Amino acid sequence: MLTYTREGLELIRQECIKMSGKRALISAAASILPVPFTDIATDIMVLRNIVPKITHKFGLTKEQMDGYDPQLSIIIYEAAREVGSKIIGRYLTRDLVIHLLKKIGIKSLTTKQATKYVPLIGQVVSAGISYGGMMLVIRHHINECHKVAWMVTERTNHREKREKAG
């Protein structure tokens, strides 16, 4: 059963934020390299690695949901849809990773590529854009998972109370 307390969810959220900072540094380091598109390939790799870990910590991966009661899975999918998540409860495909990268914005990706060719200062700017963009995308996913997990907890608690009363 997927039920949490507010404090328990906040601990998971903080753990995921800490983990995301380390992964965003990998993205920033790759953006320093003056090799075209190395940073984008690294961003894809980082997201394909961290997003499933975050989703798993909240109990919202496809594999975890397959083991839940079907009613609970329906509640999770409905909550994910309400939040607007295209990732929760799904396998992370290349298209979903590209969707996440688009949240950074094409402009910042283009800026990041252009600044790489300005010696030193450009590389620092590129690393900053990369780190900030990656943190933005990862934190957005953490917040979606947090919100869905809390919505599911509230709805299952409400359903259980109704069943006991009825």
Protein backbone atom coordinates (compact mmCIF):
# COMPACT_ATOMS: atom_id res chain seq x y z
CA MET A 1 0.00 0.00 0.00
CA LEU A 2 1.23 3.46 -0.89
CA THR A 3 0.57 5.68 2.12
CA TYR A 4 2.81 8.33 3.57
CA THR A 5 2.83 10.97 6.24
CA ARG A 6 3.67 14.54 5.30
CA GLU A 7 6.95 14.19 7.18
CA GLY A 8 7.81 10.93 5.43
CA LEU A 9 7.17 12.44 2.02
CA GLU A 10 9.25 15.49 2.88
CA LEU A 11 12.18 13.26 3.89
CA ILE A 12 11.97 11.45 0.55
CA ARG A 13 11.75 14.78 -1.26
CA GLN A 14 14.84 16.16 0.52
CA GLU A 15 16.79 12.97 -0.19
CA CYS A 16 15.91 13.26 -3.88
CA ILE A 17 16.92 16.94 -3.99
CA LYS A 18 20.29 16.06 -2.45
CA MET A 19 20.77 13.28 -5.00
CA SER A 20 19.76 15.61 -7.85
CA GLY A 21 22.42 18.19 -6.98
CA LYS A 22 25.13 15.59 -7.49
CA ARG A 23 23.69 14.53 -10.85
CA ALA A 24 23.31 18.14 -12.01
CA LEU A 25 27.03 18.64 -11.33
CA ILE A 26 27.75 15.83 -13.82
CA SER A 27 25.69 17.72 -16.39
CA ALA A 28 27.55 20.95 -15.62
CA ALA A 29 30.94 19.25 -15.89
CA ALA A 30 30.06 17.81 -19.30
CA SER A 31 29.01 21.24 -20.56
CA ILE A 32 32.52 22.56 -19.93
CA LEU A 33 33.91 20.27 -22.62
CA PRO A 34 34.14 22.12 -25.94
CA VAL A 35 32.84 19.08 -27.85
CA PRO A 36 29.49 19.80 -29.55
CA PHE A 37 26.46 18.02 -28.06
CA THR A 38 28.46 16.16 -25.39
CA ASP A 39 26.46 18.05 -22.80
CA ILE A 40 23.10 17.13 -24.32
CA ALA A 41 24.09 13.46 -24.48
CA THR A 42 25.17 13.69 -20.84
CA ASP A 43 21.90 15.39 -19.88
CA ILE A 44 19.98 12.51 -21.46
CA MET A 45 22.13 9.98 -19.61
CA VAL A 46 21.71 11.82 -16.29
CA LEU A 47 17.93 12.05 -16.67
CA ARG A 48 17.60 8.40 -17.72
CA ASN A 49 19.52 7.51 -14.56
CA ILE A 50 17.98 9.79 -11.95
CA VAL A 51 14.31 10.06 -12.96
CA PRO A 52 13.58 6.33 -12.39
CA LYS A 53 15.39 6.49 -9.03
CA ILE A 54 13.28 9.44 -7.91
CA THR A 55 10.08 7.82 -9.13
CA HIS A 56 11.04 4.59 -7.32
CA LYS A 57 11.66 6.39 -4.02
CA PHE A 58 8.09 7.69 -4.14
CA GLY A 59 6.72 4.22 -5.05
CA LEU A 60 5.47 5.35 -8.45
CA THR A 61 7.41 3.29 -11.02
CA LYS A 62 5.62 1.08 -13.52
CA GLU A 63 7.14 -2.02 -11.89
CA GLN A 64 5.97 -0.98 -8.42
CA MET A 65 2.51 -0.12 -9.67
CA ASP A 66 2.16 -3.52 -11.33
CA GLY A 67 2.37 -5.04 -7.83
CA TYR A 68 -0.27 -2.75 -6.31
CA ASP A 69 -3.98 -3.37 -6.03
CA PRO A 70 -5.57 -2.33 -9.38
CA GLN A 71 -7.71 0.28 -7.60
CA LEU A 72 -4.57 1.91 -6.20
CA SER A 73 -2.94 1.96 -9.64
CA ILE A 74 -6.01 3.74 -11.02
CA ILE A 75 -5.81 6.33 -8.24
CA ILE A 76 -2.10 6.88 -9.01
CA TYR A 77 -2.70 7.28 -12.76
CA GLU A 78 -5.56 9.72 -12.12
CA ALA A 79 -3.41 11.79 -9.73
CA ALA A 80 -0.49 11.77 -12.19
CA ARG A 81 -2.80 12.94 -14.97
CA GLU A 82 -4.17 15.75 -12.78
CA VAL A 83 -0.64 16.89 -11.95
CA GLY A 84 0.29 16.74 -15.63
CA SER A 85 3.04 14.13 -15.31
CA LYS A 86 3.87 12.16 -18.43
CA ILE A 87 6.43 10.05 -16.58
CA ILE A 88 4.88 8.66 -13.40
CA GLY A 89 3.84 5.04 -13.85
CA ARG A 90 5.51 4.69 -17.24
CA TYR A 91 8.75 3.31 -18.57
CA LEU A 92 11.22 6.10 -19.27
CA THR A 93 11.62 6.18 -23.04
CA ARG A 94 13.85 8.36 -25.18
CA ASP A 95 10.82 10.47 -26.13
CA LEU A 96 9.97 11.11 -22.48
CA VAL A 97 13.57 12.18 -21.78
CA ILE A 98 13.40 14.59 -24.72
CA HIS A 99 10.11 15.92 -23.30
CA LEU A 100 11.93 16.59 -20.01
CA LEU A 101 14.79 18.32 -21.80
CA LYS A 102 12.32 20.56 -23.61
CA LYS A 103 11.26 21.82 -20.19
CA ILE A 104 14.72 23.39 -19.96
CA GLY A 105 13.87 25.23 -23.15
CA ILE A 106 15.40 25.21 -26.59
CA LYS A 107 16.73 28.75 -26.04
CA SER A 108 18.85 27.71 -23.07
CA LEU A 109 20.14 24.65 -24.93
CA THR A 110 21.14 26.85 -27.87
CA THR A 111 22.71 29.41 -25.53
CA LYS A 112 24.58 26.64 -23.77
CA GLN A 113 26.00 25.39 -27.08
CA ALA A 114 26.96 28.90 -28.23
CA THR A 115 28.68 29.90 -24.99
CA LYS A 116 30.95 26.86 -25.11
CA TYR A 117 33.04 28.48 -27.81
CA VAL A 118 33.89 31.62 -25.81
CA PRO A 119 37.04 30.66 -23.90
CA LEU A 120 36.74 30.11 -20.13
CA ILE A 121 33.93 32.58 -19.36
CA GLY A 122 31.71 30.91 -21.95
CA GLN A 123 32.43 27.52 -20.45
CA VAL A 124 31.56 28.76 -16.96
CA VAL A 125 28.31 30.29 -18.26
CA SER A 126 27.53 27.06 -20.11
CA ALA A 127 28.13 25.02 -16.94
CA GLY A 128 25.88 27.34 -14.95
CA ILE A 129 23.09 27.09 -17.50
CA SER A 130 23.47 23.33 -17.60
CA TYR A 131 23.42 22.96 -13.82
CA GLY A 132 20.47 25.31 -13.39
CA GLY A 133 18.48 23.73 -16.19
CA MET A 134 19.10 20.21 -14.96
CA MET A 135 18.14 21.15 -11.40
CA LEU A 136 14.97 22.77 -12.72
CA VAL A 137 13.92 19.65 -14.64
CA ILE A 138 14.81 17.23 -11.84
CA ARG A 139 13.13 19.31 -9.13
CA HIS A 140 10.02 19.59 -11.28
CA HIS A 141 9.87 15.79 -11.41
CA ILE A 142 10.51 15.51 -7.66
CA ASN A 143 7.66 17.93 -6.99
CA GLU A 144 5.33 16.03 -9.33
CA CYS A 145 6.12 12.74 -7.57
CA HIS A 146 5.69 14.37 -4.16
CA LYS A 147 2.33 15.84 -5.12
CA VAL A 148 1.05 12.59 -6.66
CA ALA A 149 2.16 10.51 -3.66
CA TRP A 150 0.39 12.90 -1.29
CA MET A 151 -2.78 12.97 -3.43
CA VAL A 152 -2.82 9.17 -3.50
CA THR A 153 -2.31 8.98 0.26
CA GLU A 154 -5.19 11.38 0.89
CA ARG A 155 -7.50 9.58 -1.54
CA THR A 156 -6.77 6.11 -0.21
CA ASN A 157 -7.23 7.30 3.38
CA HIS A 158 -10.52 8.93 2.40
CA ARG A 159 -11.66 5.75 0.61
CA GLU A 160 -10.76 3.57 3.62
CA LYS A 161 -12.69 5.85 5.98
CA ARG A 162 -15.73 5.72 3.69
CA GLU A 163 -15.58 1.92 3.52
CA LYS A 164 -15.37 1.63 7.32
CA ALA A 165 -18.26 4.06 7.81
CA GLY A 166 -20.46 2.43 5.15
